PDB file of N, CA and C in Angstrom:
ATOM      1  N   MET A   1       0.717  -1.236   0.259  1.00  0.00           N
ATOM      2  CA  MET A   1       0.232   0.052   0.108  1.00  0.00           C
ATOM      3  C   MET A   1       0.943   1.189  -0.038  1.00  0.00           C
ATOM      4  N   ASN A   2       0.605   2.046  -1.078  1.00  0.00           N
ATOM      5  CA  ASN A   2       1.203   3.477  -0.956  1.00  0.00           C
ATOM      6  C   ASN A   2       0.797   4.586  -0.049  1.00  0.00           C
ATOM      7  N   TYR A   3       1.520   5.846   0.019  1.00  0.00           N
ATOM      8  CA  TYR A   3       1.071   6.422   1.002  1.00  0.00           C
ATOM      9  C   TYR A   3      -0.568   7.049   0.676  1.00  0.00           C
ATOM     10  N   TYR A   4      -0.543   7.054  -0.920  1.00  0.00           N
ATOM     11  CA  TYR A   4      -1.813   8.062  -1.033  1.00  0.00           C
ATOM     12  C   TYR A   4      -3.080   6.979  -0.635  1.00  0.00           C
ATOM     13  N   GLU A   5      -3.132   5.665  -0.863  1.00  0.00           N
ATOM     14  CA  GLU A   5      -3.885   4.755  -0.794  1.00  0.00           C
ATOM     15  C   GLU A   5      -4.131   4.893   1.070  1.00  0.00           C
ATOM     16  N   ASN A   6      -2.954   4.715   1.473  1.00  0.00           N
ATOM     17  CA  ASN A   6      -3.355   4.798   3.196  1.00  0.00           C
ATOM     18  C   ASN A   6      -4.187   6.311   3.546  1.00  0.00           C
ATOM     19  N   LYS A   7      -3.771   7.124   2.674  1.00  0.00           N
ATOM     20  CA  LYS A   7      -4.536   8.680   3.420  1.00  0.00           C
ATOM     21  C   LYS A   7      -5.810   8.401   2.790  1.00  0.00           C
ATOM     22  N   GLU A   8      -6.215   7.947   1.881  1.00  0.00           N
ATOM     23  CA  GLU A   8      -7.501   7.849   1.146  1.00  0.00           C
ATOM     24  C   GLU A   8      -8.585   6.869   2.453  1.00  0.00           C
ATOM     25  N   THR A   9      -7.861   6.148   2.593  1.00  0.00           N
ATOM     26  CA  THR A   9      -8.450   5.163   4.004  1.00  0.00           C
ATOM     27  C   THR A   9      -8.710   5.930   5.201  1.00  0.00           C
ATOM     28  N   ILE A  10      -7.802   6.771   5.362  1.00  0.00           N
ATOM     29  CA  ILE A  10      -7.817   7.460   6.908  1.00  0.00           C
ATOM     30  C   ILE A  10      -8.966   8.461   6.608  1.00  0.00           C
ATOM     31  N   ASN A  11      -9.175   9.134   5.300  1.00  0.00           N
ATOM     32  CA  ASN A  11      -9.842  10.327   4.940  1.00  0.00           C
ATOM     33  C   ASN A  11     -11.163   9.741   5.176  1.00  0.00           C
ATOM     34  N   ARG A  12     -11.616   8.527   4.551  1.00  0.00           N
ATOM     35  CA  ARG A  12     -13.042   7.873   4.543  1.00  0.00           C
ATOM     36  C   ARG A  12     -13.317   7.397   5.869  1.00  0.00           C
ATOM     37  N   VAL A  13     -12.550   7.082   6.581  1.00  0.00           N
ATOM     38  CA  VAL A  13     -12.952   6.739   7.907  1.00  0.00           C
ATOM     39  C   VAL A  13     -13.316   8.046   8.797  1.00  0.00           C
ATOM     40  N   GLN A  14     -12.680   9.054   8.597  1.00  0.00           N
ATOM     41  CA  GLN A  14     -12.970  10.216   9.449  1.00  0.00           C
ATOM     42  C   GLN A  14     -14.083  11.296   9.177  1.00  0.00           C
ATOM     43  N   THR A  15     -14.578  10.891   7.536  1.00  0.00           N
ATOM     44  CA  THR A  15     -15.999  11.613   7.271  1.00  0.00           C
ATOM     45  C   THR A  15     -17.022  10.484   7.197  1.00  0.00           C
ATOM     46  N   GLU A  16     -17.111   9.337   7.463  1.00  0.00           N
ATOM     47  CA  GLU A  16     -18.008   8.717   7.664  1.00  0.00           C
ATOM     48  C   GLU A  16     -18.486   8.412   9.448  1.00  0.00           C
ATOM     49  N   HIS A  17     -19.941   8.965   9.620  1.00  0.00           N
ATOM     50  CA  HIS A  17     -20.510   8.845  10.687  1.00  0.00           C
ATOM     51  C   HIS A  17     -21.714   8.216  10.821  1.00  0.00           C
ATOM     52  N   THR A  18     -21.934   7.237  11.517  1.00  0.00           N
ATOM     53  CA  THR A  18     -23.049   6.498  12.035  1.00  0.00           C
ATOM     54  C   THR A  18     -23.607   6.040  13.451  1.00  0.00           C
ATOM     55  N   VAL A  19     -24.372   6.231  13.720  1.00  0.00           N
ATOM     56  CA  VAL A  19     -25.002   5.942  14.719  1.00  0.00           C
ATOM     57  C   VAL A  19     -25.988   4.645  14.863  1.00  0.00           C
ATOM     58  N   LYS A  20     -25.462   3.617  16.107  1.00  0.00           N
ATOM     59  CA  LYS A  20     -26.195   2.399  15.630  1.00  0.00           C
ATOM     60  C   LYS A  20     -26.834   2.409  17.286  1.00  0.00           C
ATOM     61  N   LEU A  21     -28.082   2.430  17.624  1.00  0.00           N
ATOM     62  CA  LEU A  21     -28.659   2.312  19.172  1.00  0.00           C
ATOM     63  C   LEU A  21     -29.495   0.949  18.705  1.00  0.00           C
ATOM     64  N   ASN A  22     -29.362  -0.193  19.680  1.00  0.00           N
ATOM     65  CA  ASN A  22     -29.908  -0.963  19.826  1.00  0.00           C
ATOM     66  C   ASN A  22     -31.008  -1.338  21.475  1.00  0.00           C
ATOM     67  N   ASN A  23     -32.034  -1.379  21.357  1.00  0.00           N
ATOM     68  CA  ASN A  23     -32.866  -1.518  22.626  1.00  0.00           C
ATOM     69  C   ASN A  23     -32.472  -0.653  23.636  1.00  0.00           C
ATOM     70  N   ARG A  24     -32.251   0.809  23.085  1.00  0.00           N
ATOM     71  CA  ARG A  24     -31.971   1.882  24.076  1.00  0.00           C
ATOM     72  C   ARG A  24     -30.942   1.594  25.079  1.00  0.00           C
ATOM     73  N   ARG A  25     -29.868   0.573  24.840  1.00  0.00           N
ATOM     74  CA  ARG A  25     -28.993   0.021  25.766  1.00  0.00           C
ATOM     75  C   ARG A  25     -27.860   0.221  25.227  1.00  0.00           C
ATOM     76  N   ASP A  26     -27.559  -0.258  23.911  1.00  0.00           N
ATOM     77  CA  ASP A  26     -26.147  -0.304  23.465  1.00  0.00           C
ATOM     78  C   ASP A  26     -26.149   0.555  22.177  1.00  0.00           C
ATOM     79  N   LEU A  27     -25.060   1.468  22.267  1.00  0.00           N
ATOM     80  CA  LEU A  27     -24.769   2.572  21.134  1.00  0.00           C
ATOM     81  C   LEU A  27     -23.377   2.479  20.577  1.00  0.00           C
ATOM     82  N   GLU A  28     -23.579   2.401  19.387  1.00  0.00           N
ATOM     83  CA  GLU A  28     -22.024   2.515  18.668  1.00  0.00           C
ATOM     84  C   GLU A  28     -22.318   3.955  17.617  1.00  0.00           C
ATOM     85  N   ILE A  29     -21.079   4.572  17.643  1.00  0.00           N
ATOM     86  CA  ILE A  29     -20.702   5.608  17.119  1.00  0.00           C
ATOM     87  C   ILE A  29     -19.292   5.704  16.264  1.00  0.00           C
ATOM     88  N   THR A  30     -19.757   5.848  15.234  1.00  0.00           N
ATOM     89  CA  THR A  30     -18.448   6.314  14.201  1.00  0.00           C
ATOM     90  C   THR A  30     -18.330   7.409  13.685  1.00  0.00           C
ATOM     91  N   GLY A  31     -16.816   8.025  13.260  1.00  0.00           N
ATOM     92  CA  GLY A  31     -16.803   9.129  12.952  1.00  0.00           C
ATOM     93  C   GLY A  31     -16.390  10.231  14.221  1.00  0.00           C
ATOM     94  N   VAL A  32     -16.083   9.625  15.136  1.00  0.00           N
ATOM     95  CA  VAL A  32     -15.760  10.328  16.191  1.00  0.00           C
ATOM     96  C   VAL A  32     -14.189  10.875  16.234  1.00  0.00           C
ATOM     97  N   LYS A  33     -14.631  12.044  16.041  1.00  0.00           N
ATOM     98  CA  LYS A  33     -13.121  12.825  16.637  1.00  0.00           C
ATOM     99  C   LYS A  33     -12.346  12.809  17.929  1.00  0.00           C
ATOM    100  N   GLU A  34     -13.106  13.007  18.707  1.00  0.00           N
ATOM    101  CA  GLU A  34     -12.884  13.267  20.249  1.00  0.00           C
ATOM    102  C   GLU A  34     -13.998  13.130  21.459  1.00  0.00           C
ATOM    103  N   VAL A  35     -13.840  12.612  22.437  1.00  0.00           N
ATOM    104  CA  VAL A  35     -14.233  12.231  23.417  1.00  0.00           C
ATOM    105  C   VAL A  35     -14.395  13.669  24.538  1.00  0.00           C
ATOM    106  N   ASP A  36     -14.988  14.792  24.337  1.00  0.00           N
ATOM    107  CA  ASP A  36     -14.624  15.780  25.198  1.00  0.00           C
ATOM    108  C   ASP A  36     -15.151  15.792  26.295  1.00  0.00           C
ATOM    109  N   SER A  37     -16.122  15.062  26.977  1.00  0.00           N
ATOM    110  CA  SER A  37     -16.287  14.831  28.354  1.00  0.00           C
ATOM    111  C   SER A  37     -17.545  13.728  28.789  1.00  0.00           C
ATOM    112  N   PHE A  38     -17.598  13.147  29.695  1.00  0.00           N
ATOM    113  CA  PHE A  38     -18.391  12.224  30.195  1.00  0.00           C
ATOM    114  C   PHE A  38     -18.353  11.794  31.701  1.00  0.00           C
ATOM    115  N   ASP A  39     -19.758  11.296  31.632  1.00  0.00           N
ATOM    116  CA  ASP A  39     -20.003  10.676  33.092  1.00  0.00           C
ATOM    117  C   ASP A  39     -21.178   9.770  32.927  1.00  0.00           C
ATOM    118  N   ASN A  40     -21.529   9.387  34.151  1.00  0.00           N
ATOM    119  CA  ASN A  40     -22.533   8.448  33.921  1.00  0.00           C
ATOM    120  C   ASN A  40     -24.080   8.636  33.513  1.00  0.00           C
ATOM    121  N   GLU A  41     -24.225  10.251  33.321  1.00  0.00           N
ATOM    122  CA  GLU A  41     -25.531  10.373  32.826  1.00  0.00           C
ATOM    123  C   GLU A  41     -25.314  11.477  31.603  1.00  0.00           C
ATOM    124  N   GLU A  42     -24.127  11.746  31.264  1.00  0.00           N
ATOM    125  CA  GLU A  42     -24.071  12.450  29.911  1.00  0.00           C
ATOM    126  C   GLU A  42     -22.664  12.240  29.483  1.00  0.00           C
ATOM    127  N   PHE A  43     -22.601  12.287  27.840  1.00  0.00           N
ATOM    128  CA  PHE A  43     -21.508  12.213  27.232  1.00  0.00           C
ATOM    129  C   PHE A  43     -21.277  13.403  26.137  1.00  0.00           C
ATOM    130  N   LEU A  44     -20.108  14.242  25.730  1.00  0.00           N
ATOM    131  CA  LEU A  44     -20.328  15.277  24.966  1.00  0.00           C
ATOM    132  C   LEU A  44     -19.162  14.613  23.923  1.00  0.00           C
ATOM    133  N   LEU A  45     -19.671  14.261  22.504  1.00  0.00           N
ATOM    134  CA  LEU A  45     -18.485  13.779  21.438  1.00  0.00           C
ATOM    135  C   LEU A  45     -18.403  14.827  20.346  1.00  0.00           C
ATOM    136  N   GLU A  46     -17.293  14.980  19.852  1.00  0.00           N
ATOM    137  CA  GLU A  46     -17.189  15.465  18.820  1.00  0.00           C
ATOM    138  C   GLU A  46     -16.836  14.626  17.498  1.00  0.00           C
ATOM    139  N   THR A  47     -17.818  15.008  17.017  1.00  0.00           N
ATOM    140  CA  THR A  47     -17.783  13.809  15.251  1.00  0.00           C
ATOM    141  C   THR A  47     -17.813  14.715  14.207  1.00  0.00           C
ATOM    142  N   THR A  48     -17.674  14.123  13.201  1.00  0.00           N
ATOM    143  CA  THR A  48     -17.206  14.883  12.115  1.00  0.00           C
ATOM    144  C   THR A  48     -18.533  15.428  11.537  1.00  0.00           C
ATOM    145  N   MET A  49     -19.622  15.240  12.097  1.00  0.00           N
ATOM    146  CA  MET A  49     -20.770  15.893  11.647  1.00  0.00           C
ATOM    147  C   MET A  49     -21.307  16.955  12.579  1.00  0.00           C
ATOM    148  N   GLY A  50     -20.279  17.239  13.655  1.00  0.00           N
ATOM    149  CA  GLY A  50     -20.692  18.211  14.784  1.00  0.00           C
ATOM    150  C   GLY A  50     -20.458  17.563  15.957  1.00  0.00           C
ATOM    151  N   TYR A  51     -21.129  18.125  17.262  1.00  0.00           N
ATOM    152  CA  TYR A  51     -20.902  17.733  18.555  1.00  0.00           C
ATOM    153  C   TYR A  51     -22.077  17.105  18.723  1.00  0.00           C
ATOM    154  N   LEU A  52     -22.016  15.951  19.471  1.00  0.00           N
ATOM    155  CA  LEU A  52     -23.082  14.936  19.710  1.00  0.00           C
ATOM    156  C   LEU A  52     -23.174  14.801  21.139  1.00  0.00           C
ATOM    157  N   ILE A  53     -24.732  15.314  21.850  1.00  0.00           N
ATOM    158  CA  ILE A  53     -24.685  14.934  23.367  1.00  0.00           C
ATOM    159  C   ILE A  53     -25.358  13.647  23.573  1.00  0.00           C
ATOM    160  N   ILE A  54     -25.010  13.053  24.324  1.00  0.00           N
ATOM    161  CA  ILE A  54     -25.748  11.554  24.541  1.00  0.00           C
ATOM    162  C   ILE A  54     -26.244  11.730  26.112  1.00  0.00           C
ATOM    163  N   ARG A  55     -27.484  11.757  26.552  1.00  0.00           N
ATOM    164  CA  ARG A  55     -27.923  11.481  27.807  1.00  0.00           C
ATOM    165  C   ARG A  55     -28.543  10.457  28.390  1.00  0.00           C
ATOM    166  N   GLY A  56     -28.464   9.747  29.398  1.00  0.00           N
ATOM    167  CA  GLY A  56     -29.081   8.739  29.851  1.00  0.00           C
ATOM    168  C   GLY A  56     -28.597   8.480  31.116  1.00  0.00           C
ATOM    169  N   GLN A  57     -28.779   6.948  31.528  1.00  0.00           N
ATOM    170  CA  GLN A  57     -28.569   6.607  33.003  1.00  0.00           C
ATOM    171  C   GLN A  57     -27.770   5.518  33.324  1.00  0.00           C
ATOM    172  N   ASN A  58     -26.823   5.485  34.014  1.00  0.00           N
ATOM    173  CA  ASN A  58     -25.818   4.476  34.317  1.00  0.00           C
ATOM    174  C   ASN A  58     -24.925   4.364  32.912  1.00  0.00           C
ATOM    175  N   LEU A  59     -24.696   5.332  32.423  1.00  0.00           N
ATOM    176  CA  LEU A  59     -23.715   5.255  30.954  1.00  0.00           C
ATOM    177  C   LEU A  59     -22.425   5.142  31.269  1.00  0.00           C
ATOM    178  N   GLN A  60     -21.976   4.134  30.410  1.00  0.00           N
ATOM    179  CA  GLN A  60     -20.426   3.473  30.480  1.00  0.00           C
ATOM    180  C   GLN A  60     -20.040   3.711  29.302  1.00  0.00           C
ATOM    181  N   LEU A  61     -18.818   3.953  29.035  1.00  0.00           N
ATOM    182  CA  LEU A  61     -17.888   3.857  27.778  1.00  0.00           C
ATOM    183  C   LEU A  61     -17.463   2.343  27.807  1.00  0.00           C
ATOM    184  N   LYS A  62     -17.744   1.462  27.123  1.00  0.00           N
ATOM    185  CA  LYS A  62     -17.430   0.488  26.777  1.00  0.00           C
ATOM    186  C   LYS A  62     -16.271   0.255  25.631  1.00  0.00           C
ATOM    187  N   ASN A  63     -15.878   0.968  24.931  1.00  0.00           N
ATOM    188  CA  ASN A  63     -15.318   0.646  24.040  1.00  0.00           C
ATOM    189  C   ASN A  63     -14.529   2.189  23.022  1.00  0.00           C
ATOM    190  N   LEU A  64     -13.250   2.417  23.027  1.00  0.00           N
ATOM    191  CA  LEU A  64     -12.930   3.616  22.651  1.00  0.00           C
ATOM    192  C   LEU A  64     -11.775   3.448  21.444  1.00  0.00           C
ATOM    193  N   ASP A  65     -11.925   3.406  20.319  1.00  0.00           N
ATOM    194  CA  ASP A  65     -10.861   3.075  19.183  1.00  0.00           C
ATOM    195  C   ASP A  65     -10.800   4.543  18.852  1.00  0.00           C
ATOM    196  N   VAL A  66      -9.612   5.175  18.975  1.00  0.00           N
ATOM    197  CA  VAL A  66      -9.419   6.774  18.429  1.00  0.00           C
ATOM    198  C   VAL A  66      -9.024   6.401  17.173  1.00  0.00           C
ATOM    199  N   THR A  67      -8.280   5.309  16.737  1.00  0.00           N
ATOM    200  CA  THR A  67      -7.803   5.096  15.364  1.00  0.00           C
ATOM    201  C   THR A  67      -8.948   5.198  14.237  1.00  0.00           C
ATOM    202  N   GLU A  68      -9.625   4.156  14.565  1.00  0.00           N
ATOM    203  CA  GLU A  68     -10.696   4.154  13.691  1.00  0.00           C
ATOM    204  C   GLU A  68     -12.017   5.133  14.256  1.00  0.00           C
ATOM    205  N   GLY A  69     -11.986   5.678  15.039  1.00  0.00           N
ATOM    206  CA  GLY A  69     -13.058   6.809  15.617  1.00  0.00           C
ATOM    207  C   GLY A  69     -14.373   6.002  15.973  1.00  0.00           C
ATOM    208  N   VAL A  70     -14.614   5.150  16.729  1.00  0.00           N
ATOM    209  CA  VAL A  70     -15.491   4.267  17.180  1.00  0.00           C
ATOM    210  C   VAL A  70     -15.692   4.455  18.603  1.00  0.00           C
ATOM    211  N   VAL A  71     -16.772   4.741  18.974  1.00  0.00           N
ATOM    212  CA  VAL A  71     -17.250   4.634  20.472  1.00  0.00           C
ATOM    213  C   VAL A  71     -18.362   3.919  20.599  1.00  0.00           C
ATOM    214  N   THR A  72     -18.125   2.901  21.637  1.00  0.00           N
ATOM    215  CA  THR A  72     -19.593   2.039  21.982  1.00  0.00           C
ATOM    216  C   THR A  72     -19.665   2.692  23.544  1.00  0.00           C
ATOM    217  N   ILE A  73     -21.292   2.901  23.742  1.00  0.00           N
ATOM    218  CA  ILE A  73     -21.890   3.458  25.237  1.00  0.00           C
ATOM    219  C   ILE A  73     -23.004   2.314  25.601  1.00  0.00           C
ATOM    220  N   LYS A  74     -22.800   1.733  26.802  1.00  0.00           N
ATOM    221  CA  LYS A  74     -23.714   1.029  27.316  1.00  0.00           C
ATOM    222  C   LYS A  74     -24.515   1.888  28.278  1.00  0.00           C
ATOM    223  N   GLY A  75     -25.789   1.524  28.696  1.00  0.00           N
ATOM    224  CA  GLY A  75     -26.433   1.887  29.609  1.00  0.00           C
ATOM    225  C   GLY A  75     -28.061   2.562  28.843  1.00  0.00           C
ATOM    226  N   LYS A  76     -28.702   2.965  29.918  1.00  0.00           N
ATOM    227  CA  LYS A  76     -30.233   3.523  29.329  1.00  0.00           C
ATOM    228  C   LYS A  76     -30.046   5.040  28.810  1.00  0.00           C
ATOM    229  N   ILE A  77     -30.307   4.998  27.365  1.00  0.00           N
ATOM    230  CA  ILE A  77     -30.160   6.179  26.510  1.00  0.00           C
ATOM    231  C   ILE A  77     -31.530   6.930  26.474  1.00  0.00           C
ATOM    232  N   TYR A  78     -31.547   8.099  26.832  1.00  0.00           N
ATOM    233  CA  TYR A  78     -32.586   8.682  27.040  1.00  0.00           C
ATOM    234  C   TYR A  78     -32.702   9.992  25.725  1.00  0.00           C
ATOM    235  N   GLU A  79     -31.743  10.387  25.349  1.00  0.00           N
ATOM    236  CA  GLU A  79     -31.580  11.479  24.307  1.00  0.00           C
ATOM    237  C   GLU A  79     -30.177  11.968  23.665  1.00  0.00           C
ATOM    238  N   LEU A  80     -30.471  11.500  22.260  1.00  0.00           N
ATOM    239  CA  LEU A  80     -29.326  12.121  21.376  1.00  0.00           C
ATOM    240  C   LEU A  80     -29.268  13.228  20.680  1.00  0.00           C
ATOM    241  N   SER A  81     -28.203  14.287  20.781  1.00  0.00           N
ATOM    242  CA  SER A  81     -28.784  15.733  20.193  1.00  0.00           C
ATOM    243  C   SER A  81     -27.533  16.074  19.515  1.00  0.00           C
ATOM    244  N   TYR A  82     -27.576  16.764  18.216  1.00  0.00           N
ATOM    245  CA  TYR A  82     -26.287  17.368  17.898  1.00  0.00           C
ATOM    246  C   TYR A  82     -26.604  18.883  18.096  1.00  0.00           C
ATOM    247  N   VAL A  83     -25.286  19.480  18.471  1.00  0.00           N
ATOM    248  CA  VAL A  83     -25.391  20.967  18.635  1.00  0.00           C
ATOM    249  C   VAL A  83     -25.209  21.587  17.594  1.00  0.00           C
ATOM    250  N   ASP A  84     -25.591  22.531  17.341  1.00  0.00           N
ATOM    251  CA  ASP A  84     -25.604  23.688  16.148  1.00  0.00           C
ATOM    252  C   ASP A  84     -24.206  24.058  16.315  1.00  0.00           C
ATOM    253  N   GLU A  85     -23.605  24.453  14.918  1.00  0.00           N
ATOM    254  CA  GLU A  85     -22.427  25.160  14.936  1.00  0.00           C
ATOM    255  C   GLU A  85     -22.095  26.513  16.039  1.00  0.00           C
ATOM    256  N   GLN A  86     -23.268  27.276  15.972  1.00  0.00           N
ATOM    257  CA  GLN A  86     -23.291  28.524  16.838  1.00  0.00           C
ATOM    258  C   GLN A  86     -23.382  27.822  18.230  1.00  0.00           C
ATOM    259  N   GLN A  87     -23.635  26.841  18.690  1.00  0.00           N
ATOM    260  CA  GLN A  87     -23.837  26.567  20.311  1.00  0.00           C
ATOM    261  C   GLN A  87     -22.538  25.507  20.504  1.00  0.00           C
ATOM    262  N   GLN A  88     -21.708  25.300  19.570  1.00  0.00           N
ATOM    263  CA  GLN A  88     -20.571  24.287  19.734  1.00  0.00           C
ATOM    264  C   GLN A  88     -19.679  24.900  20.801  1.00  0.00           C
ATOM    265  N   GLU A  89     -19.092  26.265  20.537  1.00  0.00           N
ATOM    266  CA  GLU A  89     -18.211  26.775  21.854  1.00  0.00           C
ATOM    267  C   GLU A  89     -18.820  26.843  23.162  1.00  0.00           C
ATOM    268  N   LYS A  90     -20.454  27.346  22.854  1.00  0.00           N
ATOM    269  CA  LYS A  90     -21.202  27.340  24.540  1.00  0.00           C
ATOM    270  C   LYS A  90     -20.951  25.999  25.260  1.00  0.00           C
ATOM    271  N   ALA A  91     -21.336  24.928  24.285  1.00  0.00           N
ATOM    272  CA  ALA A  91     -21.529  23.475  24.825  1.00  0.00           C
ATOM    273  C   ALA A  91     -20.420  23.224  25.148  1.00  0.00           C
ATOM    274  N   LYS A  92     -19.133  23.464  24.639  1.00  0.00           N
ATOM    275  CA  LYS A  92     -18.043  22.833  25.022  1.00  0.00           C
ATOM    276  C   LYS A  92     -17.312  23.738  26.352  1.00  0.00           C
ATOM    277  N   GLY A  93     -17.412  24.793  26.459  1.00  0.00           N
ATOM    278  CA  GLY A  93     -17.413  25.622  27.625  1.00  0.00           C
ATOM    279  C   GLY A  93     -18.090  25.285  28.832  1.00  0.00           C
ATOM    280  N   PHE A  94     -19.631  24.857  28.542  1.00  0.00           N
ATOM    281  CA  PHE A  94     -20.212  24.543  29.714  1.00  0.00           C
ATOM    282  C   PHE A  94     -19.773  23.363  30.284  1.00  0.00           C
ATOM    283  N   PHE A  95     -19.353  22.302  29.225  1.00  0.00           N
ATOM    284  CA  PHE A  95     -19.032  21.138  30.011  1.00  0.00           C
ATOM    285  C   PHE A  95     -17.473  20.841  30.302  1.00  0.00           C
ATOM    286  N   SER A  96     -16.830  21.882  29.968  1.00  0.00           N
ATOM    287  CA  SER A  96     -15.436  21.729  30.230  1.00  0.00           C
ATOM    288  C   SER A  96     -15.341  22.328  31.888  1.00  0.00           C
ATOM    289  N   LYS A  97     -16.208  23.418  32.179  1.00  0.00           N
ATOM    290  CA  LYS A  97     -16.709  23.903  33.548  1.00  0.00           C
ATOM    291  C   LYS A  97     -16.970  22.947  34.681  1.00  0.00           C
ATOM    292  N   LEU A  98     -17.876  22.382  33.988  1.00  0.00           N
ATOM    293  CA  LEU A  98     -18.392  21.236  35.010  1.00  0.00           C
ATOM    294  C   LEU A  98     -17.482  20.061  35.436  1.00  0.00           C
ATOM    295  N   PHE A  99     -16.481  19.406  34.553  1.00  0.00           N
ATOM    296  CA  PHE A  99     -15.425  18.506  34.902  1.00  0.00           C
ATOM    297  C   PHE A  99     -13.928  19.084  35.221  1.00  0.00           C
ATOM    298  N   ARG A 100     -14.045  20.244  35.665  1.00  0.00           N
ATOM    299  CA  ARG A 100     -12.412  20.789  35.912  1.00  0.00           C
ATOM    300  C   ARG A 100     -12.060  20.190  37.377  1.00  0.00           C
TER     301      ARG A 100
END
């Protein structure tokens, strides 16, 4: 594999974003750039499609693969919501204050 083939694979992985939710208990997300903050009730993820907030009960980070951009979360999922571009800095600032 040459340099360009490898680069195309990396770009493809970074641009694809999927969310799979099974029985409101098992959540798999691809296209994750960074896990900004998390606790047992809320996760803030930076994805290729913007910031994603996951709210629920007894949430646990089960798998984090930073090279592939895959995150698996288990627990009772109540809400998934994307933050608009205008609200991204506000959300990031709010969560960083909570977890200092």
